[in-house]
Protein backbone atom coordinates (compact mmCIF):
# COMPACT_ATOMS: atom_id res chain seq x y z
CA MET A 1 -34.82 -23.64 14.04
CA ASN A 2 -36.88 -20.62 14.97
CA GLU A 3 -38.48 -19.13 11.77
CA ARG A 4 -38.35 -15.54 13.19
CA ALA A 5 -34.59 -15.85 13.85
CA ILE A 6 -34.06 -16.74 10.25
CA VAL A 7 -36.29 -13.93 8.94
CA ASP A 8 -34.84 -11.19 11.11
CA ALA A 9 -31.09 -11.84 10.52
CA SER A 10 -29.42 -8.90 9.07
CA THR A 11 -26.21 -6.82 8.96
CA SER A 12 -25.33 -3.20 8.84
CA LEU A 13 -24.23 -3.44 5.16
CA ALA A 14 -26.93 -5.94 3.96
CA LYS A 15 -30.41 -4.37 3.80
CA ASP A 16 -33.76 -6.00 3.37
CA TYR A 17 -35.28 -5.09 0.18
CA TRP A 18 -38.84 -6.70 0.70
CA ARG A 19 -40.54 -9.21 3.01
CA ALA A 20 -43.67 -11.00 2.17
CA PRO A 21 -46.48 -10.09 4.78
CA ASN A 22 -46.45 -13.57 6.19
CA GLY A 23 -42.56 -13.73 6.40
CA GLN A 24 -42.49 -16.45 3.75
CA VAL A 25 -40.22 -14.56 1.40
CA ARG A 26 -37.40 -12.26 2.26
CA LEU A 27 -35.30 -10.53 -0.46
CA VAL A 28 -32.00 -8.95 0.62
CA ARG A 29 -29.69 -6.48 -1.19
CA GLY A 30 -26.10 -7.33 -0.33
CA ASP A 31 -23.05 -9.54 -0.84
CA CYS A 32 -24.10 -13.22 -0.68
CA ILE A 33 -21.26 -14.27 1.50
CA GLU A 34 -21.96 -11.50 3.92
CA VAL A 35 -25.64 -12.26 4.09
CA LEU A 36 -25.17 -15.99 4.41
CA GLY A 37 -23.01 -15.31 7.44
CA THR A 38 -26.14 -13.88 9.22
CA VAL A 39 -28.32 -17.13 8.48
CA PRO A 40 -28.31 -19.50 11.29
CA PRO A 41 -26.20 -22.63 10.79
CA ASP A 42 -27.94 -25.93 9.89
CA SER A 43 -31.21 -24.09 9.00
CA VAL A 44 -31.57 -24.44 5.08
CA ASP A 45 -32.87 -27.27 3.23
CA VAL A 46 -31.98 -26.44 -0.30
CA VAL A 47 -29.71 -23.90 -1.77
CA PHE A 48 -30.15 -23.24 -5.53
CA ALA A 49 -27.35 -21.17 -7.07
CA ASP A 50 -26.84 -19.74 -10.43
CA PRO A 51 -23.50 -18.06 -9.92
CA PRO A 52 -21.73 -15.70 -12.49
CA TYR A 53 -20.32 -17.55 -15.44
CA PHE A 54 -17.53 -15.01 -15.90
CA LEU A 55 -18.38 -14.44 -19.67
CA SER A 56 -18.66 -10.63 -19.69
CA ASN A 57 -15.33 -9.94 -21.20
CA GLY A 58 -16.16 -8.76 -24.56
CA GLY A 59 -17.55 -11.78 -26.24
CA THR A 60 -20.57 -12.09 -28.34
CA THR A 61 -23.53 -14.41 -29.01
CA CYS A 62 -26.44 -14.58 -31.42
CA ARG A 63 -29.73 -12.87 -30.39
CA SER A 64 -32.77 -12.86 -32.59
CA GLY A 65 -30.53 -13.75 -35.60
CA ARG A 66 -28.06 -10.94 -34.95
CA ARG A 67 -24.61 -10.89 -33.20
CA ALA A 68 -24.90 -9.32 -29.67
CA SER A 69 -22.65 -8.69 -26.81
CA VAL A 70 -22.70 -11.20 -23.98
CA ASP A 71 -21.66 -8.64 -21.33
CA LYS A 72 -24.10 -8.80 -18.50
CA GLY A 73 -22.34 -6.44 -16.10
CA LYS A 74 -19.36 -6.09 -13.69
CA TRP A 75 -20.69 -8.97 -11.62
CA ASP A 76 -20.07 -11.37 -14.54
CA ARG A 77 -16.61 -10.25 -15.41
CA SER A 78 -13.73 -12.81 -14.95
CA ARG A 79 -10.98 -11.88 -12.53
CA GLY A 80 -8.73 -14.73 -13.77
CA VAL A 81 -8.85 -18.42 -13.02
CA GLU A 82 -7.43 -18.39 -9.62
CA GLU A 83 -9.53 -15.48 -8.28
CA ASN A 84 -12.62 -16.90 -9.90
CA HIS A 85 -12.01 -20.29 -8.15
CA ALA A 86 -11.42 -18.60 -4.78
CA PHE A 87 -14.61 -16.77 -4.97
CA THR A 88 -16.38 -20.02 -5.89
CA CYS A 89 -14.86 -21.74 -2.75
CA ALA A 90 -15.85 -18.66 -0.62
CA TRP A 91 -19.44 -18.76 -1.42
CA LEU A 92 -19.81 -22.43 -1.47
CA GLU A 93 -18.33 -22.63 2.02
CA ALA A 94 -20.77 -20.01 3.15
CA CYS A 95 -23.61 -22.22 1.66
CA ARG A 96 -22.33 -25.34 3.35
CA LYS A 97 -22.44 -23.70 6.88
CA VAL A 98 -26.09 -22.80 6.55
CA LEU A 99 -27.30 -26.06 5.16
CA LYS A 100 -29.02 -28.62 7.41
CA PRO A 101 -27.09 -31.84 8.00
CA ASN A 102 -29.33 -33.53 5.28
CA GLY A 103 -29.55 -30.35 3.16
CA THR A 104 -28.44 -30.15 -0.49
CA ILE A 105 -27.28 -27.67 -3.00
CA TRP A 106 -27.81 -27.23 -6.74
CA ILE A 107 -25.41 -25.15 -8.80
CA SER A 108 -26.22 -24.31 -12.44
CA GLY A 109 -23.45 -23.37 -15.04
CA THR A 110 -21.69 -23.78 -18.22
CA ALA A 111 -18.26 -25.21 -19.03
CA HIS A 112 -16.83 -21.71 -18.12
CA VAL A 113 -17.56 -22.28 -14.45
CA ILE A 114 -19.01 -25.64 -13.70
CA TYR A 115 -15.69 -27.61 -13.51
CA SER A 116 -14.43 -25.13 -10.87
CA VAL A 117 -17.61 -25.66 -9.02
CA GLY A 118 -17.25 -29.31 -9.07
CA PHE A 119 -13.69 -29.21 -7.92
CA ALA A 120 -14.45 -26.76 -5.18
CA LEU A 121 -17.32 -29.02 -3.96
CA GLN A 122 -14.94 -31.89 -3.60
CA GLN A 123 -12.37 -29.66 -1.76
CA LEU A 124 -15.01 -28.58 0.78
CA GLY A 125 -16.32 -32.02 1.54
CA PHE A 126 -19.64 -32.01 -0.15
CA LYS A 127 -21.05 -35.22 -1.39
CA LEU A 128 -21.68 -35.26 -5.10
CA LEU A 129 -25.16 -36.74 -6.01
CA ASN A 130 -25.90 -36.04 -9.74
CA ASP A 131 -24.69 -33.86 -12.58
CA ILE A 132 -27.81 -33.07 -14.50
CA VAL A 133 -27.64 -31.96 -18.21
CA TRP A 134 -30.27 -29.40 -19.12
CA GLU A 135 -30.78 -29.61 -22.82
CA LYS A 136 -32.15 -26.70 -24.59
CA PRO A 137 -34.17 -27.61 -27.77
CA ASN A 138 -33.78 -24.26 -29.52
CA PRO A 139 -30.35 -22.86 -28.50
CA PRO A 140 -28.92 -19.79 -30.36
CA PRO A 141 -26.73 -20.73 -33.33
CA ASN A 142 -22.95 -20.59 -33.25
CA LEU A 143 -22.11 -17.65 -35.49
CA SER A 144 -18.38 -18.49 -35.85
CA CYS A 145 -19.13 -21.90 -37.20
CA ARG A 146 -15.97 -23.18 -35.44
CA TYR A 147 -17.64 -24.97 -32.57
CA PHE A 148 -20.64 -27.21 -31.84
CA THR A 149 -23.76 -25.30 -30.97
CA HIS A 150 -23.92 -24.58 -27.19
CA ALA A 151 -27.17 -26.37 -26.28
CA THR A 152 -26.77 -27.50 -22.66
CA GLU A 153 -26.14 -26.27 -19.22
CA THR A 154 -25.03 -28.53 -16.21
CA LEU A 155 -26.59 -28.48 -12.75
CA ILE A 156 -24.55 -30.21 -10.07
CA TRP A 157 -26.53 -31.56 -7.13
CA ALA A 158 -24.64 -32.22 -4.02
CA ALA A 159 -25.36 -32.91 -0.40
CA ARG A 160 -23.72 -31.09 2.53
CA ASP A 161 -21.40 -34.00 3.40
CA ARG A 162 -20.79 -37.76 3.13
CA LYS A 163 -23.06 -38.49 6.08
CA SER A 164 -26.10 -36.54 4.75
CA LYS A 165 -29.21 -38.51 4.28
CA HIS A 166 -30.57 -36.21 1.48
CA HIS A 167 -34.34 -35.76 0.65
CA PHE A 168 -35.14 -37.20 -2.79
CA ALA A 169 -38.76 -37.46 -3.92
CA TYR A 170 -38.20 -40.59 -6.00
CA ASP A 171 -41.82 -41.55 -6.41
CA THR A 172 -42.67 -38.05 -7.61
CA MET A 173 -39.89 -38.09 -10.20
CA ARG A 174 -40.85 -41.45 -11.39
CA SER A 175 -44.55 -40.41 -11.68
CA LEU A 176 -43.53 -37.36 -13.75
CA ASN A 177 -41.53 -39.44 -15.98
CA GLY A 178 -44.34 -41.93 -17.08
CA ASN A 179 -43.67 -44.42 -14.17
CA ARG A 180 -40.11 -44.82 -15.19
CA GLN A 181 -36.93 -43.85 -13.40
CA MET A 182 -36.01 -40.19 -14.36
CA LYS A 183 -32.77 -39.88 -16.11
CA SER A 184 -30.15 -37.11 -15.63
CA VAL A 185 -30.73 -35.45 -19.03
CA TRP A 186 -33.71 -32.93 -18.80
CA ARG A 187 -34.96 -31.48 -21.99
CA MET A 188 -36.68 -28.16 -21.33
CA SER A 189 -37.17 -24.90 -23.14
CA ALA A 190 -35.84 -21.60 -22.18
CA PRO A 191 -38.17 -19.30 -20.27
CA SER A 192 -41.37 -18.39 -22.08
CA ARG A 193 -42.40 -14.91 -22.96
CA ALA A 194 -45.10 -15.19 -20.23
CA GLU A 195 -42.33 -15.75 -17.61
CA LYS A 196 -40.54 -12.64 -18.89
CA ARG A 197 -43.72 -10.40 -19.04
CA LEU A 198 -42.73 -8.54 -15.69
CA GLY A 199 -39.16 -7.95 -16.93
CA LYS A 200 -36.05 -9.68 -18.24
CA HIS A 201 -32.85 -10.97 -16.79
CA PRO A 202 -29.85 -12.09 -18.89
CA THR A 203 -29.55 -15.58 -17.24
CA GLN A 204 -33.24 -16.29 -16.34
CA LYS A 205 -33.97 -19.85 -15.67
CA PRO A 206 -37.25 -21.57 -16.72
CA GLU A 207 -39.78 -22.17 -13.91
CA ALA A 208 -40.11 -25.82 -15.08
CA LEU A 209 -36.50 -26.44 -14.35
CA LEU A 210 -36.78 -25.00 -10.78
CA GLU A 211 -39.97 -26.75 -10.21
CA ARG A 212 -38.29 -30.06 -10.92
CA VAL A 213 -35.38 -29.21 -8.72
CA LEU A 214 -37.55 -28.28 -5.74
CA LEU A 215 -40.08 -31.06 -6.08
CA ALA A 216 -37.15 -33.63 -6.27
CA SER A 217 -34.97 -32.37 -3.35
CA CYS A 218 -36.95 -29.98 -0.94
CA PRO A 219 -39.08 -31.48 1.89
CA PRO A 220 -42.44 -29.96 2.59
CA GLU A 221 -42.48 -26.42 3.92
CA GLY A 222 -38.77 -26.30 3.42
CA PHE A 223 -36.39 -23.35 3.58
CA VAL A 224 -34.82 -22.41 0.20
CA VAL A 225 -31.87 -19.91 -0.34
CA ASP A 226 -30.68 -18.46 -3.54
CA PRO A 227 -27.43 -16.55 -3.10
CA PHE A 228 -27.55 -15.15 -6.61
CA ASN A 229 -31.19 -14.39 -6.88
CA GLY A 230 -31.27 -12.83 -10.36
CA SER A 231 -34.90 -12.73 -11.71
CA GLY A 232 -36.20 -14.81 -8.79
CA THR A 233 -37.39 -17.83 -10.43
CA SER A 234 -36.29 -19.96 -7.66
CA GLY A 235 -38.49 -17.68 -5.25
CA VAL A 236 -41.51 -17.74 -7.56
CA VAL A 237 -41.43 -21.59 -7.58
CA ALA A 238 -40.65 -21.74 -3.85
CA VAL A 239 -43.74 -19.79 -3.08
CA ARG A 240 -45.77 -21.84 -5.42
CA LEU A 241 -44.74 -25.14 -3.67
CA GLY A 242 -45.32 -23.72 -0.10
CA HIS A 243 -41.57 -23.24 0.86
CA ARG A 244 -39.85 -20.30 2.72
CA TYR A 245 -37.30 -18.40 0.57
CA LEU A 246 -34.49 -16.11 1.00
CA GLY A 247 -33.06 -14.35 -2.23
CA ILE A 248 -29.87 -12.38 -2.13
CA ASP A 249 -28.62 -9.94 -4.80
CA LEU A 250 -26.56 -6.87 -5.26
CA ASP A 251 -28.78 -5.40 -7.77
CA CYS A 252 -32.08 -3.65 -6.69
CA ASN A 253 -33.56 -3.95 -10.21
CA HIS A 254 -33.12 -7.62 -9.92
CA LEU A 255 -34.84 -7.77 -6.62
CA GLU A 256 -37.72 -5.49 -7.66
CA LEU A 257 -38.33 -7.83 -10.62
CA THR A 258 -38.40 -10.72 -8.23
CA ARG A 259 -40.81 -8.89 -5.90
CA LYS A 260 -43.18 -8.22 -8.76
CA ARG A 261 -42.98 -12.03 -10.00
CA VAL A 262 -43.61 -13.30 -6.41
CA MET A 263 -46.59 -10.84 -5.93
CA ALA A 264 -48.00 -12.14 -9.30
CA GLU A 265 -47.71 -15.68 -7.95
CA GLN A 266 -49.49 -14.58 -4.63
CA PRO A 267 -51.88 -11.68 -5.72
CA ALA A 268 -53.58 -11.90 -2.14
CA TRP A 269 -50.42 -10.32 -0.63
CA SER A 270 -51.14 -7.04 -2.60
CA ASP A 271 -54.33 -6.48 -0.32
CA VAL A 272 -52.12 -6.35 2.89
CA GLY A 273 -50.86 -2.93 1.93
CA PRO A 274 -48.75 -1.33 4.67
CA ARG A 275 -47.41 -4.59 5.93
CA LEU A 276 -45.42 -4.90 2.83
CA ARG A 277 -42.18 -2.95 3.06
CA VAL A 278 -39.60 -1.96 0.39
CA ALA A 279 -36.30 -0.54 1.58
CA GLY A 280 -33.67 1.24 -0.47
């Protein structure tokens, strides 16, 4: 697949927010289903998606020892079980069309959305590979004292279809795990202060989590797409590992945070000046 064709794909409604000077990173402001429709089929090695959890409906959580709203914005509001699932099927189908025959997708979520995601993956013909449990060692306490403390998130890893011969860096994962097979429970802390020094996002993922995901599943110099870019952790890690990256988001603030984080990862790009472009 021609790299220039991937980089130049755009629509009248979706707008490029920023591109790296060498074309390695492209950030697009727009609806993920629309933008994915402009990406050439069979061109993407790995999709990482952290979709809305549909939690922003007046609930609360514990933050710094105090009760706080979990409302993150309109993008995270539930539209009812049926509409939520229809949306999940729609964006997953869009991802499936752009994946290479041996490409894979990772989806992160909590119980509020992950079971819908798993069912949709099966409906659409994906091949389920693993469900990874990300265990957080210091989760916020449950203030109601009526439930077990929520200390995990689930990541589903799936190949495009039953015929896929997916990439898996088995030896690398084994080496990282003390020369033993790596299990499907990963204990990792939430993002550190250093990872949030350029700005915060309500659902930011730790760089260590994305580093393991991409080390395990993305071939060298691969093409990574994140349809719900958020704070851009997937982009930061993709750049670090030498992959190309497309991040899609509706919010310019999130894309700007990503741009800053990517530039911090590759400070040499700041010397290019005019070749960097930010569009409204």
